[in-house]
Amino acid sequence: MSDLAAIAGLSPSAFHRHFRALTGMTPLTFQKQLRLMEARRLMLTGNISAESAAFAVGYASASQFSREYARLFGAPPRRDIVRLQPPDAGVNLREKG
């Protein structure tokens, strides 16, 4: 965050304050949501497991990823992806969750 603050010409605390005022969330929360949305996209378009998607977007723990995913999207990864796929898509996610 300090690099982004420097680019913006702000102190880290001022950057955090301005970021939160503009987005309604902290930079860390924003980054987490971006990672989870990218993981969702990977699972939908790449037919990869939740665990593979978690590691691909930078999570070190598949269980932490699953908890945060369910918190954001309202369902664990597998159930969410199955719900979003058309009935004839033939989803074959190997990772439970």
PDB file of N, CA and C in Angstrom:
ATOM      1  N   MET A   1       0.813  -1.182   0.000  1.00  0.00           N
ATOM      2  CA  MET A   1       0.000   0.000   0.000  1.00  0.00           C
ATOM      3  C   MET A   1       0.863   1.255   0.000  1.00  0.00           C
ATOM      4  N   SER A   2       2.028   1.156   0.617  1.00  0.00           N
ATOM      5  CA  SER A   2       2.876   2.349   0.672  1.00  0.00           C
ATOM      6  C   SER A   2       3.337   2.771  -0.730  1.00  0.00           C
ATOM      7  N   ASP A   3       3.548   1.806  -1.628  1.00  0.00           N
ATOM      8  CA  ASP A   3       3.913   2.154  -3.013  1.00  0.00           C
ATOM      9  C   ASP A   3       2.784   2.901  -3.705  1.00  0.00           C
ATOM     10  N   LEU A   4       1.549   2.401  -3.524  1.00  0.00           N
ATOM     11  CA  LEU A   4       0.398   3.078  -4.125  1.00  0.00           C
ATOM     12  C   LEU A   4       0.210   4.467  -3.531  1.00  0.00           C
ATOM     13  N   ALA A   5       0.397   4.590  -2.230  1.00  0.00           N
ATOM     14  CA  ALA A   5       0.278   5.893  -1.572  1.00  0.00           C
ATOM     15  C   ALA A   5       1.316   6.863  -2.142  1.00  0.00           C
ATOM     16  N   ALA A   6       2.538   6.384  -2.335  1.00  0.00           N
ATOM     17  CA  ALA A   6       3.592   7.232  -2.880  1.00  0.00           C
ATOM     18  C   ALA A   6       3.262   7.681  -4.298  1.00  0.00           C
ATOM     19  N   ILE A   7       2.740   6.768  -5.109  1.00  0.00           N
ATOM     20  CA  ILE A   7       2.353   7.115  -6.478  1.00  0.00           C
ATOM     21  C   ILE A   7       1.269   8.186  -6.467  1.00  0.00           C
ATOM     22  N   ALA A   8       0.351   8.069  -5.512  1.00  0.00           N
ATOM     23  CA  ALA A   8      -0.738   9.043  -5.398  1.00  0.00           C
ATOM     24  C   ALA A   8      -0.290  10.331  -4.715  1.00  0.00           C
ATOM     25  N   GLY A   9       0.928  10.340  -4.183  1.00  0.00           N
ATOM     26  CA  GLY A   9       1.430  11.521  -3.500  1.00  0.00           C
ATOM     27  C   GLY A   9       0.804  11.722  -2.132  1.00  0.00           C
ATOM     28  N   LEU A  10       0.435  10.611  -1.486  1.00  0.00           N
ATOM     29  CA  LEU A  10      -0.209  10.664  -0.180  1.00  0.00           C
ATOM     30  C   LEU A  10       0.563   9.821   0.824  1.00  0.00           C
ATOM     31  N   SER A  11       0.355  10.117   2.088  1.00  0.00           N
ATOM     32  CA  SER A  11       0.888   9.231   3.119  1.00  0.00           C
ATOM     33  C   SER A  11       0.046   7.960   3.102  1.00  0.00           C
ATOM     34  N   PRO A  12       0.567   6.849   3.625  1.00  0.00           N
ATOM     35  CA  PRO A  12      -0.239   5.617   3.656  1.00  0.00           C
ATOM     36  C   PRO A  12      -1.581   5.794   4.367  1.00  0.00           C
ATOM     37  N   SER A  13      -1.607   6.521   5.461  1.00  0.00           N
ATOM     38  CA  SER A  13      -2.879   6.703   6.170  1.00  0.00           C
ATOM     39  C   SER A  13      -3.854   7.567   5.368  1.00  0.00           C
ATOM     40  N   ALA A  14      -3.359   8.597   4.699  1.00  0.00           N
ATOM     41  CA  ALA A  14      -4.234   9.434   3.862  1.00  0.00           C
ATOM     42  C   ALA A  14      -4.743   8.628   2.667  1.00  0.00           C
ATOM     43  N   PHE A  15      -3.871   7.814   2.071  1.00  0.00           N
ATOM     44  CA  PHE A  15      -4.297   6.967   0.958  1.00  0.00           C
ATOM     45  C   PHE A  15      -5.414   6.031   1.406  1.00  0.00           C
ATOM     46  N   HIS A  16      -5.221   5.390   2.561  1.00  0.00           N
ATOM     47  CA  HIS A  16      -6.223   4.473   3.105  1.00  0.00           C
ATOM     48  C   HIS A  16      -7.555   5.194   3.318  1.00  0.00           C
ATOM     49  N   ARG A  17      -7.493   6.378   3.882  1.00  0.00           N
ATOM     50  CA  ARG A  17      -8.697   7.165   4.161  1.00  0.00           C
ATOM     51  C   ARG A  17      -9.417   7.547   2.856  1.00  0.00           C
ATOM     52  N   HIS A  18      -8.663   8.025   1.875  1.00  0.00           N
ATOM     53  CA  HIS A  18      -9.263   8.405   0.585  1.00  0.00           C
ATOM     54  C   HIS A  18      -9.819   7.183  -0.150  1.00  0.00           C
ATOM     55  N   PHE A  19      -9.080   6.094  -0.117  1.00  0.00           N
ATOM     56  CA  PHE A  19      -9.523   4.861  -0.772  1.00  0.00           C
ATOM     57  C   PHE A  19     -10.850   4.401  -0.183  1.00  0.00           C
ATOM     58  N   ARG A  20     -10.926   4.409   1.129  1.00  0.00           N
ATOM     59  CA  ARG A  20     -12.150   3.968   1.809  1.00  0.00           C
ATOM     60  C   ARG A  20     -13.314   4.911   1.513  1.00  0.00           C
ATOM     61  N   ALA A  21     -13.043   6.190   1.440  1.00  0.00           N
ATOM     62  CA  ALA A  21     -14.096   7.157   1.134  1.00  0.00           C
ATOM     63  C   ALA A  21     -14.647   6.949  -0.279  1.00  0.00           C
ATOM     64  N   LEU A  22     -13.771   6.597  -1.212  1.00  0.00           N
ATOM     65  CA  LEU A  22     -14.195   6.401  -2.603  1.00  0.00           C
ATOM     66  C   LEU A  22     -14.871   5.056  -2.854  1.00  0.00           C
ATOM     67  N   THR A  23     -14.377   4.003  -2.205  1.00  0.00           N
ATOM     68  CA  THR A  23     -14.861   2.656  -2.508  1.00  0.00           C
ATOM     69  C   THR A  23     -15.778   2.074  -1.448  1.00  0.00           C
ATOM     70  N   GLY A  24     -15.752   2.641  -0.252  1.00  0.00           N
ATOM     71  CA  GLY A  24     -16.544   2.090   0.837  1.00  0.00           C
ATOM     72  C   GLY A  24     -15.904   0.882   1.486  1.00  0.00           C
ATOM     73  N   MET A  25     -14.667   0.601   1.144  1.00  0.00           N
ATOM     74  CA  MET A  25     -13.966  -0.540   1.741  1.00  0.00           C
ATOM     75  C   MET A  25     -12.481  -0.223   1.843  1.00  0.00           C
ATOM     76  N   THR A  26     -11.798  -0.999   2.664  1.00  0.00           N
ATOM     77  CA  THR A  26     -10.356  -0.806   2.807  1.00  0.00           C
ATOM     78  C   THR A  26      -9.641  -1.380   1.581  1.00  0.00           C
ATOM     79  N   PRO A  27      -8.408  -0.946   1.346  1.00  0.00           N
ATOM     80  CA  PRO A  27      -7.650  -1.526   0.229  1.00  0.00           C
ATOM     81  C   PRO A  27      -7.517  -3.048   0.337  1.00  0.00           C
ATOM     82  N   LEU A  28      -7.336  -3.568   1.552  1.00  0.00           N
ATOM     83  CA  LEU A  28      -7.202  -5.011   1.734  1.00  0.00           C
ATOM     84  C   LEU A  28      -8.506  -5.742   1.379  1.00  0.00           C
ATOM     85  N   THR A  29      -9.630  -5.201   1.803  1.00  0.00           N
ATOM     86  CA  THR A  29     -10.927  -5.799   1.465  1.00  0.00           C
ATOM     87  C   THR A  29     -11.163  -5.760  -0.040  1.00  0.00           C
ATOM     88  N   PHE A  30     -10.797  -4.653  -0.668  1.00  0.00           N
ATOM     89  CA  PHE A  30     -10.935  -4.514  -2.116  1.00  0.00           C
ATOM     90  C   PHE A  30     -10.093  -5.572  -2.828  1.00  0.00           C
ATOM     91  N   GLN A  31      -8.846  -5.740  -2.390  1.00  0.00           N
ATOM     92  CA  GLN A  31      -7.955  -6.734  -2.992  1.00  0.00           C
ATOM     93  C   GLN A  31      -8.519  -8.145  -2.810  1.00  0.00           C
ATOM     94  N   LYS A  32      -9.044  -8.423  -1.629  1.00  0.00           N
ATOM     95  CA  LYS A  32      -9.617  -9.740  -1.349  1.00  0.00           C
ATOM     96  C   LYS A  32     -10.797 -10.011  -2.280  1.00  0.00           C
ATOM     97  N   GLN A  33     -11.666  -9.015  -2.465  1.00  0.00           N
ATOM     98  CA  GLN A  33     -12.806  -9.199  -3.363  1.00  0.00           C
ATOM     99  C   GLN A  33     -12.359  -9.428  -4.801  1.00  0.00           C
ATOM    100  N   LEU A  34     -11.345  -8.703  -5.241  1.00  0.00           N
ATOM    101  CA  LEU A  34     -10.821  -8.915  -6.597  1.00  0.00           C
ATOM    102  C   LEU A  34     -10.311 -10.347  -6.768  1.00  0.00           C
ATOM    103  N   ARG A  35      -9.577 -10.843  -5.779  1.00  0.00           N
ATOM    104  CA  ARG A  35      -9.061 -12.213  -5.848  1.00  0.00           C
ATOM    105  C   ARG A  35     -10.193 -13.234  -5.897  1.00  0.00           C
ATOM    106  N   LEU A  36     -11.209 -13.032  -5.062  1.00  0.00           N
ATOM    107  CA  LEU A  36     -12.328 -13.976  -5.034  1.00  0.00           C
ATOM    108  C   LEU A  36     -13.119 -13.934  -6.339  1.00  0.00           C
ATOM    109  N   MET A  37     -13.308 -12.752  -6.902  1.00  0.00           N
ATOM    110  CA  MET A  37     -14.020 -12.654  -8.184  1.00  0.00           C
ATOM    111  C   MET A  37     -13.228 -13.317  -9.309  1.00  0.00           C
ATOM    112  N   GLU A  38     -11.909 -13.155  -9.284  1.00  0.00           N
ATOM    113  CA  GLU A  38     -11.065 -13.810 -10.292  1.00  0.00           C
ATOM    114  C   GLU A  38     -11.113 -15.329 -10.130  1.00  0.00           C
ATOM    115  N   ALA A  39     -11.083 -15.814  -8.895  1.00  0.00           N
ATOM    116  CA  ALA A  39     -11.186 -17.255  -8.665  1.00  0.00           C
ATOM    117  C   ALA A  39     -12.517 -17.783  -9.185  1.00  0.00           C
ATOM    118  N   ARG A  40     -13.579 -17.048  -8.956  1.00  0.00           N
ATOM    119  CA  ARG A  40     -14.907 -17.447  -9.449  1.00  0.00           C
ATOM    120  C   ARG A  40     -14.896 -17.523 -10.975  1.00  0.00           C
ATOM    121  N   ARG A  41     -14.295 -16.508 -11.607  1.00  0.00           N
ATOM    122  CA  ARG A  41     -14.202 -16.503 -13.070  1.00  0.00           C
ATOM    123  C   ARG A  41     -13.409 -17.712 -13.566  1.00  0.00           C
ATOM    124  N   LEU A  42     -12.296 -18.008 -12.902  1.00  0.00           N
ATOM    125  CA  LEU A  42     -11.490 -19.161 -13.309  1.00  0.00           C
ATOM    126  C   LEU A  42     -12.275 -20.461 -13.198  1.00  0.00           C
ATOM    127  N   MET A  43     -13.032 -20.612 -12.130  1.00  0.00           N
ATOM    128  CA  MET A  43     -13.813 -21.842 -11.948  1.00  0.00           C
ATOM    129  C   MET A  43     -14.936 -21.934 -12.975  1.00  0.00           C
ATOM    130  N   LEU A  44     -15.536 -20.797 -13.309  1.00  0.00           N
ATOM    131  CA  LEU A  44     -16.636 -20.804 -14.285  1.00  0.00           C
ATOM    132  C   LEU A  44     -16.141 -21.055 -15.705  1.00  0.00           C
ATOM    133  N   THR A  45     -15.043 -20.422 -16.066  1.00  0.00           N
ATOM    134  CA  THR A  45     -14.592 -20.506 -17.460  1.00  0.00           C
ATOM    135  C   THR A  45     -13.523 -21.559 -17.691  1.00  0.00           C
ATOM    136  N   GLY A  46     -12.783 -21.909 -16.647  1.00  0.00           N
ATOM    137  CA  GLY A  46     -11.687 -22.848 -16.820  1.00  0.00           C
ATOM    138  C   GLY A  46     -11.973 -24.239 -16.324  1.00  0.00           C
ATOM    139  N   ASN A  47     -13.136 -24.430 -15.696  1.00  0.00           N
ATOM    140  CA  ASN A  47     -13.520 -25.726 -15.151  1.00  0.00           C
ATOM    141  C   ASN A  47     -12.400 -26.295 -14.276  1.00  0.00           C
ATOM    142  N   ILE A  48     -11.878 -25.454 -13.365  1.00  0.00           N
ATOM    143  CA  ILE A  48     -10.835 -25.920 -12.449  1.00  0.00           C
ATOM    144  C   ILE A  48     -11.406 -26.027 -11.041  1.00  0.00           C
ATOM    145  N   SER A  49     -10.741 -26.755 -10.211  1.00  0.00           N
ATOM    146  CA  SER A  49     -11.197 -26.972  -8.840  1.00  0.00           C
ATOM    147  C   SER A  49     -11.085 -25.696  -8.015  1.00  0.00           C
ATOM    148  N   ALA A  50     -11.836 -25.653  -6.931  1.00  0.00           N
ATOM    149  CA  ALA A  50     -11.771 -24.522  -6.012  1.00  0.00           C
ATOM    150  C   ALA A  50     -10.354 -24.390  -5.442  1.00  0.00           C
ATOM    151  N   GLU A  51      -9.748 -25.507  -5.111  1.00  0.00           N
ATOM    152  CA  GLU A  51      -8.396 -25.469  -4.558  1.00  0.00           C
ATOM    153  C   GLU A  51      -7.410 -24.878  -5.565  1.00  0.00           C
ATOM    154  N   SER A  52      -7.493 -25.295  -6.815  1.00  0.00           N
ATOM    155  CA  SER A  52      -6.597 -24.750  -7.846  1.00  0.00           C
ATOM    156  C   SER A  52      -6.837 -23.264  -8.047  1.00  0.00           C
ATOM    157  N   ALA A  53      -8.096 -22.859  -8.061  1.00  0.00           N
ATOM    158  CA  ALA A  53      -8.425 -21.442  -8.221  1.00  0.00           C
ATOM    159  C   ALA A  53      -7.903 -20.643  -7.036  1.00  0.00           C
ATOM    160  N   ALA A  54      -8.036 -21.189  -5.837  1.00  0.00           N
ATOM    161  CA  ALA A  54      -7.556 -20.507  -4.631  1.00  0.00           C
ATOM    162  C   ALA A  54      -6.063 -20.228  -4.727  1.00  0.00           C
ATOM    163  N   PHE A  55      -5.294 -21.242  -5.091  1.00  0.00           N
ATOM    164  CA  PHE A  55      -3.853 -21.074  -5.196  1.00  0.00           C
ATOM    165  C   PHE A  55      -3.484 -20.147  -6.351  1.00  0.00           C
ATOM    166  N   ALA A  56      -4.253 -20.203  -7.442  1.00  0.00           N
ATOM    167  CA  ALA A  56      -3.969 -19.364  -8.603  1.00  0.00           C
ATOM    168  C   ALA A  56      -4.119 -17.874  -8.292  1.00  0.00           C
ATOM    169  N   VAL A  57      -5.007 -17.532  -7.373  1.00  0.00           N
ATOM    170  CA  VAL A  57      -5.219 -16.112  -7.051  1.00  0.00           C
ATOM    171  C   VAL A  57      -4.473 -15.677  -5.789  1.00  0.00           C
ATOM    172  N   GLY A  58      -3.661 -16.566  -5.226  1.00  0.00           N
ATOM    173  CA  GLY A  58      -2.790 -16.157  -4.147  1.00  0.00           C
ATOM    174  C   GLY A  58      -3.129 -16.627  -2.753  1.00  0.00           C
ATOM    175  N   TYR A  59      -4.133 -17.482  -2.602  1.00  0.00           N
ATOM    176  CA  TYR A  59      -4.434 -18.021  -1.278  1.00  0.00           C
ATOM    177  C   TYR A  59      -3.489 -19.174  -0.969  1.00  0.00           C
ATOM    178  N   ALA A  60      -3.006 -19.234   0.262  1.00  0.00           N
ATOM    179  CA  ALA A  60      -2.158 -20.336   0.696  1.00  0.00           C
ATOM    180  C   ALA A  60      -2.983 -21.440   1.346  1.00  0.00           C
ATOM    181  N   SER A  61      -4.219 -21.132   1.719  1.00  0.00           N
ATOM    182  CA  SER A  61      -5.075 -22.086   2.413  1.00  0.00           C
ATOM    183  C   SER A  61      -6.404 -22.222   1.671  1.00  0.00           C
ATOM    184  N   ALA A  62      -6.692 -23.434   1.210  1.00  0.00           N
ATOM    185  CA  ALA A  62      -7.958 -23.673   0.512  1.00  0.00           C
ATOM    186  C   ALA A  62      -9.145 -23.501   1.452  1.00  0.00           C
ATOM    187  N   SER A  63      -8.981 -23.852   2.721  1.00  0.00           N
ATOM    188  CA  SER A  63     -10.100 -23.706   3.655  1.00  0.00           C
ATOM    189  C   SER A  63     -10.393 -22.233   3.940  1.00  0.00           C
ATOM    190  N   GLN A  64      -9.355 -21.414   4.060  1.00  0.00           N
ATOM    191  CA  GLN A  64      -9.565 -19.965   4.243  1.00  0.00           C
ATOM    192  C   GLN A  64     -10.248 -19.387   3.013  1.00  0.00           C
ATOM    193  N   PHE A  65      -9.806 -19.810   1.833  1.00  0.00           N
ATOM    194  CA  PHE A  65     -10.431 -19.366   0.589  1.00  0.00           C
ATOM    195  C   PHE A  65     -11.915 -19.729   0.579  1.00  0.00           C
ATOM    196  N   SER A  66     -12.233 -20.953   0.928  1.00  0.00           N
ATOM    197  CA  SER A  66     -13.618 -21.406   0.913  1.00  0.00           C
ATOM    198  C   SER A  66     -14.486 -20.591   1.875  1.00  0.00           C
ATOM    199  N   ARG A  67     -13.967 -20.302   3.062  1.00  0.00           N
ATOM    200  CA  ARG A  67     -14.708 -19.489   4.036  1.00  0.00           C
ATOM    201  C   ARG A  67     -14.971 -18.086   3.500  1.00  0.00           C
ATOM    202  N   GLU A  68     -13.934 -17.459   2.964  1.00  0.00           N
ATOM    203  CA  GLU A  68     -14.083 -16.095   2.454  1.00  0.00           C
ATOM    204  C   GLU A  68     -14.962 -16.061   1.208  1.00  0.00           C
ATOM    205  N   TYR A  69     -14.857 -17.086   0.381  1.00  0.00           N
ATOM    206  CA  TYR A  69     -15.699 -17.181  -0.820  1.00  0.00           C
ATOM    207  C   TYR A  69     -17.167 -17.265  -0.422  1.00  0.00           C
ATOM    208  N   ALA A  70     -17.469 -18.140   0.519  1.00  0.00           N
ATOM    209  CA  ALA A  70     -18.863 -18.301   0.966  1.00  0.00           C
ATOM    210  C   ALA A  70     -19.378 -17.017   1.606  1.00  0.00           C
ATOM    211  N   ARG A  71     -18.538 -16.323   2.321  1.00  0.00           N
ATOM    212  CA  ARG A  71     -18.940 -15.061   2.944  1.00  0.00           C
ATOM    213  C   ARG A  71     -19.310 -14.026   1.873  1.00  0.00           C
ATOM    214  N   LEU A  72     -18.535 -13.966   0.793  1.00  0.00           N
ATOM    215  CA  LEU A  72     -18.789 -12.980  -0.258  1.00  0.00           C
ATOM    216  C   LEU A  72     -19.953 -13.374  -1.166  1.00  0.00           C
ATOM    217  N   PHE A  73     -19.993 -14.644  -1.587  1.00  0.00           N
ATOM    218  CA  PHE A  73     -20.969 -15.066  -2.595  1.00  0.00           C
ATOM    219  C   PHE A  73     -22.179 -15.803  -2.028  1.00  0.00           C
ATOM    220  N   GLY A  74     -22.174 -16.083  -0.729  1.00  0.00           N
ATOM    221  CA  GLY A  74     -23.340 -16.695  -0.104  1.00  0.00           C
ATOM    222  C   GLY A  74     -23.426 -18.205  -0.203  1.00  0.00           C
ATOM    223  N   ALA A  75     -22.416 -18.842  -0.761  1.00  0.00           N
ATOM    224  CA  ALA A  75     -22.393 -20.305  -0.883  1.00  0.00           C
ATOM    225  C   ALA A  75     -20.941 -20.733  -1.064  1.00  0.00           C
ATOM    226  N   PRO A  76     -20.607 -21.959  -0.651  1.00  0.00           N
ATOM    227  CA  PRO A  76     -19.244 -22.460  -0.892  1.00  0.00           C
ATOM    228  C   PRO A  76     -18.960 -22.528  -2.397  1.00  0.00           C
ATOM    229  N   PRO A  77     -17.694 -22.541  -2.776  1.00  0.00           N
ATOM    230  CA  PRO A  77     -17.342 -22.479  -4.202  1.00  0.00           C
ATOM    231  C   PRO A  77     -18.070 -23.484  -5.097  1.00  0.00           C
ATOM    232  N   ARG A  78     -18.048 -24.748  -4.741  1.00  0.00           N
ATOM    233  CA  ARG A  78     -18.652 -25.756  -5.625  1.00  0.00           C
ATOM    234  C   ARG A  78     -20.142 -25.499  -5.830  1.00  0.00           C
ATOM    235  N   ARG A  79     -20.866 -25.263  -4.743  1.00  0.00           N
ATOM    236  CA  ARG A  79     -22.307 -25.032  -4.842  1.00  0.00           C
ATOM    237  C   ARG A  79     -22.597 -23.759  -5.652  1.00  0.00           C
ATOM    238  N   ASP A  80     -21.803 -22.719  -5.438  1.00  0.00           N
ATOM    239  CA  ASP A  80     -21.988 -21.471  -6.174  1.00  0.00           C
ATOM    240  C   ASP A  80     -21.778 -21.674  -7.667  1.00  0.00           C
ATOM    241  N   ILE A  81     -20.714 -22.361  -8.036  1.00  0.00           N
ATOM    242  CA  ILE A  81     -20.406 -22.559  -9.455  1.00  0.00           C
ATOM    243  C   ILE A  81     -21.463 -23.439 -10.119  1.00  0.00           C
ATOM    244  N   VAL A  82     -21.891 -24.495  -9.444  1.00  0.00           N
ATOM    245  CA  VAL A  82     -22.938 -25.364  -9.995  1.00  0.00           C
ATOM    246  C   VAL A  82     -24.216 -24.552 -10.214  1.00  0.00           C
ATOM    247  N   ARG A  83     -24.527 -23.678  -9.260  1.00  0.00           N
ATOM    248  CA  ARG A  83     -25.730 -22.835  -9.361  1.00  0.00           C
ATOM    249  C   ARG A  83     -25.634 -21.866 -10.537  1.00  0.00           C
ATOM    250  N   LEU A  84     -24.438 -21.378 -10.836  1.00  0.00           N
ATOM    251  CA  LEU A  84     -24.262 -20.390 -11.896  1.00  0.00           C
ATOM    252  C   LEU A  84     -24.178 -21.000 -13.286  1.00  0.00           C
ATOM    253  N   GLN A  85     -23.804 -22.265 -13.376  1.00  0.00           N
ATOM    254  CA  GLN A  85     -23.666 -22.934 -14.671  1.00  0.00           C
ATOM    255  C   GLN A  85     -25.029 -23.286 -15.247  1.00  0.00           C
ATOM    256  N   PRO A  86     -25.163 -23.224 -16.567  1.00  0.00           N
ATOM    257  CA  PRO A  86     -26.395 -23.725 -17.190  1.00  0.00           C
ATOM    258  C   PRO A  86     -26.535 -25.223 -16.913  1.00  0.00           C
ATOM    259  N   PRO A  87     -27.737 -25.751 -16.854  1.00  0.00           N
ATOM    260  CA  PRO A  87     -27.948 -27.163 -16.511  1.00  0.00           C
ATOM    261  C   PRO A  87     -27.176 -28.146 -17.388  1.00  0.00           C
ATOM    262  N   ASP A  88     -26.935 -27.806 -18.636  1.00  0.00           N
ATOM    263  CA  ASP A  88     -26.269 -28.733 -19.540  1.00  0.00           C
ATOM    264  C   ASP A  88     -24.763 -28.486 -19.657  1.00  0.00           C
ATOM    265  N   ALA A  89     -24.192 -27.660 -18.760  1.00  0.00           N
ATOM    266  CA  ALA A  89     -22.771 -27.304 -18.878  1.00  0.00           C
ATOM    267  C   ALA A  89     -21.846 -28.442 -18.456  1.00  0.00           C
ATOM    268  N   GLY A  90     -22.335 -29.383 -17.670  1.00  0.00           N
ATOM    269  CA  GLY A  90     -21.499 -30.508 -17.278  1.00  0.00           C
ATOM    270  C   GLY A  90     -20.343 -30.120 -16.379  1.00  0.00           C
ATOM    271  N   VAL A  91     -20.588 -29.336 -15.367  1.00  0.00           N
ATOM    272  CA  VAL A  91     -19.542 -28.912 -14.447  1.00  0.00           C
ATOM    273  C   VAL A  91     -18.905 -30.121 -13.792  1.00  0.00           C
ATOM    274  N   ASN A  92     -17.603 -30.132 -13.760  1.00  0.00           N
ATOM    275  CA  ASN A  92     -16.866 -31.256 -13.177  1.00  0.00           C
ATOM    276  C   ASN A  92     -15.798 -30.716 -12.233  1.00  0.00           C
ATOM    277  N   LEU A  93     -16.210 -30.041 -11.170  1.00  0.00           N
ATOM    278  CA  LEU A  93     -15.248 -29.518 -10.216  1.00  0.00           C
ATOM    279  C   LEU A  93     -14.826 -30.634  -9.280  1.00  0.00           C
ATOM    280  N   ARG A  94     -13.535 -30.811  -9.159  1.00  0.00           N
ATOM    281  CA  ARG A  94     -13.009 -31.909  -8.360  1.00  0.00           C
ATOM    282  C   ARG A  94     -12.941 -31.579  -6.879  1.00  0.00           C
ATOM    283  N   GLU A  95     -12.815 -30.310  -6.526  1.00  0.00           N
ATOM    284  CA  GLU A  95     -12.639 -29.917  -5.132  1.00  0.00           C
ATOM    285  C   GLU A  95     -13.987 -29.730  -4.454  1.00  0.00           C
ATOM    286  N   LYS A  96     -14.162 -30.343  -3.310  1.00  0.00           N
ATOM    287  CA  LYS A  96     -15.405 -30.089  -2.597  1.00  0.00           C
ATOM    288  C   LYS A  96     -15.341 -28.717  -1.949  1.00  0.00           C
ATOM    289  N   GLY A  97     -16.486 -28.158  -1.651  1.00  0.00           N
ATOM    290  CA  GLY A  97     -16.525 -26.847  -1.000  1.00  0.00           C
ATOM    291  C   GLY A  97     -17.322 -25.969  -1.776  1.00  0.00           C
TER     292      GLY A  97
END
